[in-house]
Amino acid sequence: MDTLSAKIEAYLNNLHVVRQLSAHTIKAYRADLKILSENAQAEKCAIDQINHVGIR
């Protein structure tokens, strides 16, 4: 598991455990974050360089 994947899983776990979001919400977040991760890798962009302007 690469660093980004580990961070995503930790974030999703936090949403589940701490914020107690539903499984459906977590599933939707996971799908969106997967797309973001794939696009960042395709563009060779470090995840810490992404901002709200780049996402739009």
N, C-alpha and C. Protein backbone atom coordinates (compact mmCIF):
# COMPACT_ATOMS: atom_id res chain seq x y z
N MET A 1 0.86 -1.18 0.00
CA MET A 1 0.00 0.00 0.00
C MET A 1 0.90 1.23 0.00
N ASP A 2 0.71 2.13 -0.96
CA ASP A 2 1.54 3.32 -0.99
C ASP A 2 1.07 4.33 0.06
N THR A 3 1.83 5.36 0.23
CA THR A 3 1.55 6.35 1.26
C THR A 3 0.20 7.01 1.07
N LEU A 4 -0.14 7.36 -0.17
CA LEU A 4 -1.42 8.00 -0.43
C LEU A 4 -2.57 7.06 -0.09
N SER A 5 -2.47 5.83 -0.50
CA SER A 5 -3.51 4.85 -0.18
C SER A 5 -3.67 4.69 1.32
N ALA A 6 -2.57 4.67 2.03
CA ALA A 6 -2.61 4.55 3.49
C ALA A 6 -3.29 5.76 4.12
N LYS A 7 -2.99 6.94 3.60
CA LYS A 7 -3.61 8.16 4.11
C LYS A 7 -5.11 8.17 3.84
N ILE A 8 -5.49 7.73 2.66
CA ILE A 8 -6.91 7.67 2.31
C ILE A 8 -7.64 6.70 3.23
N GLU A 9 -7.06 5.53 3.44
CA GLU A 9 -7.70 4.54 4.32
C GLU A 9 -7.79 5.04 5.75
N ALA A 10 -6.76 5.74 6.23
CA ALA A 10 -6.80 6.30 7.58
C ALA A 10 -7.90 7.36 7.68
N TYR A 11 -8.03 8.18 6.66
CA TYR A 11 -9.08 9.20 6.63
C TYR A 11 -10.46 8.56 6.64
N LEU A 12 -10.65 7.55 5.80
CA LEU A 12 -11.94 6.87 5.73
C LEU A 12 -12.25 6.17 7.05
N ASN A 13 -11.25 5.60 7.68
CA ASN A 13 -11.45 4.97 8.98
C ASN A 13 -11.88 6.00 10.01
N ASN A 14 -11.26 7.18 9.97
CA ASN A 14 -11.65 8.26 10.88
C ASN A 14 -13.10 8.67 10.66
N LEU A 15 -13.50 8.76 9.41
CA LEU A 15 -14.89 9.12 9.11
C LEU A 15 -15.85 8.09 9.67
N HIS A 16 -15.45 6.83 9.60
CA HIS A 16 -16.31 5.75 10.09
C HIS A 16 -16.35 5.71 11.62
N VAL A 17 -15.17 5.74 12.25
CA VAL A 17 -15.08 5.55 13.70
C VAL A 17 -15.45 6.82 14.47
N VAL A 18 -14.85 7.93 14.11
CA VAL A 18 -15.02 9.16 14.88
C VAL A 18 -16.31 9.89 14.50
N ARG A 19 -16.51 10.07 13.21
CA ARG A 19 -17.68 10.82 12.77
C ARG A 19 -18.91 9.94 12.59
N GLN A 20 -18.70 8.64 12.60
CA GLN A 20 -19.78 7.65 12.50
C GLN A 20 -20.65 7.85 11.26
N LEU A 21 -19.99 8.09 10.13
CA LEU A 21 -20.72 8.23 8.88
C LEU A 21 -21.17 6.86 8.40
N SER A 22 -22.21 6.85 7.60
CA SER A 22 -22.77 5.59 7.12
C SER A 22 -21.83 4.89 6.14
N ALA A 23 -22.05 3.60 5.98
CA ALA A 23 -21.25 2.81 5.04
C ALA A 23 -21.41 3.35 3.62
N HIS A 24 -22.60 3.82 3.28
CA HIS A 24 -22.83 4.36 1.93
C HIS A 24 -22.03 5.65 1.71
N THR A 25 -21.95 6.48 2.73
CA THR A 25 -21.17 7.71 2.63
C THR A 25 -19.69 7.39 2.48
N ILE A 26 -19.20 6.45 3.27
CA ILE A 26 -17.80 6.04 3.19
C ILE A 26 -17.50 5.48 1.81
N LYS A 27 -18.41 4.69 1.27
CA LYS A 27 -18.23 4.11 -0.07
C LYS A 27 -18.13 5.21 -1.12
N ALA A 28 -18.96 6.24 -1.01
CA ALA A 28 -18.94 7.35 -1.96
C ALA A 28 -17.63 8.14 -1.83
N TYR A 29 -17.21 8.41 -0.60
CA TYR A 29 -15.94 9.10 -0.38
C TYR A 29 -14.79 8.29 -0.98
N ARG A 30 -14.79 6.97 -0.74
CA ARG A 30 -13.72 6.10 -1.25
C ARG A 30 -13.65 6.19 -2.78
N ALA A 31 -14.81 6.15 -3.43
CA ALA A 31 -14.84 6.22 -4.90
C ALA A 31 -14.28 7.55 -5.40
N ASP A 32 -14.69 8.64 -4.76
CA ASP A 32 -14.21 9.96 -5.17
C ASP A 32 -12.71 10.10 -4.94
N LEU A 33 -12.23 9.62 -3.80
CA LEU A 33 -10.81 9.72 -3.50
C LEU A 33 -9.97 8.83 -4.40
N LYS A 34 -10.53 7.73 -4.84
CA LYS A 34 -9.82 6.86 -5.80
C LYS A 34 -9.62 7.60 -7.11
N ILE A 35 -10.65 8.28 -7.58
CA ILE A 35 -10.55 9.05 -8.82
C ILE A 35 -9.52 10.17 -8.66
N LEU A 36 -9.56 10.87 -7.54
CA LEU A 36 -8.59 11.94 -7.28
C LEU A 36 -7.17 11.38 -7.29
N SER A 37 -6.97 10.26 -6.63
CA SER A 37 -5.65 9.64 -6.57
C SER A 37 -5.17 9.21 -7.95
N GLU A 38 -6.03 8.59 -8.72
CA GLU A 38 -5.66 8.14 -10.07
C GLU A 38 -5.31 9.33 -10.96
N ASN A 39 -6.09 10.40 -10.87
CA ASN A 39 -5.81 11.59 -11.68
C ASN A 39 -4.50 12.25 -11.26
N ALA A 40 -4.24 12.30 -9.98
CA ALA A 40 -2.99 12.89 -9.49
C ALA A 40 -1.79 12.08 -9.99
N GLN A 41 -1.91 10.75 -9.96
CA GLN A 41 -0.82 9.90 -10.44
C GLN A 41 -0.63 10.06 -11.94
N ALA A 42 -1.72 10.14 -12.69
CA ALA A 42 -1.63 10.29 -14.15
C ALA A 42 -0.97 11.62 -14.52
N GLU A 43 -1.24 12.64 -13.74
CA GLU A 43 -0.67 13.97 -13.99
C GLU A 43 0.70 14.15 -13.33
N LYS A 44 1.15 13.10 -12.63
CA LYS A 44 2.42 13.15 -11.89
C LYS A 44 2.45 14.34 -10.93
N CYS A 45 1.35 14.49 -10.24
CA CYS A 45 1.18 15.60 -9.30
C CYS A 45 1.16 15.04 -7.88
N ALA A 46 1.99 15.60 -7.03
CA ALA A 46 1.99 15.18 -5.62
C ALA A 46 0.67 15.61 -4.98
N ILE A 47 0.14 14.76 -4.14
CA ILE A 47 -1.16 15.03 -3.55
C ILE A 47 -1.14 16.32 -2.72
N ASP A 48 -0.01 16.66 -2.12
CA ASP A 48 0.05 17.88 -1.32
C ASP A 48 0.11 19.15 -2.18
N GLN A 49 0.21 18.99 -3.49
CA GLN A 49 0.19 20.14 -4.40
C GLN A 49 -1.21 20.43 -4.95
N ILE A 50 -2.15 19.55 -4.66
CA ILE A 50 -3.50 19.72 -5.18
C ILE A 50 -4.26 20.70 -4.30
N ASN A 51 -4.98 21.61 -4.94
CA ASN A 51 -5.82 22.54 -4.20
C ASN A 51 -7.20 22.59 -4.86
N HIS A 52 -8.07 23.39 -4.31
CA HIS A 52 -9.45 23.44 -4.81
C HIS A 52 -9.52 23.92 -6.27
N VAL A 53 -8.59 24.73 -6.69
CA VAL A 53 -8.58 25.21 -8.07
C VAL A 53 -8.24 24.07 -9.03
N GLY A 54 -7.26 23.25 -8.66
CA GLY A 54 -6.86 22.13 -9.50
C GLY A 54 -7.91 21.05 -9.61
N ILE A 55 -8.73 20.92 -8.60
CA ILE A 55 -9.77 19.89 -8.61
C ILE A 55 -10.90 20.28 -9.54
N ARG A 56 -11.21 21.53 -9.61
CA ARG A 56 -12.32 21.99 -10.45
C ARG A 56 -11.96 21.81 -11.88
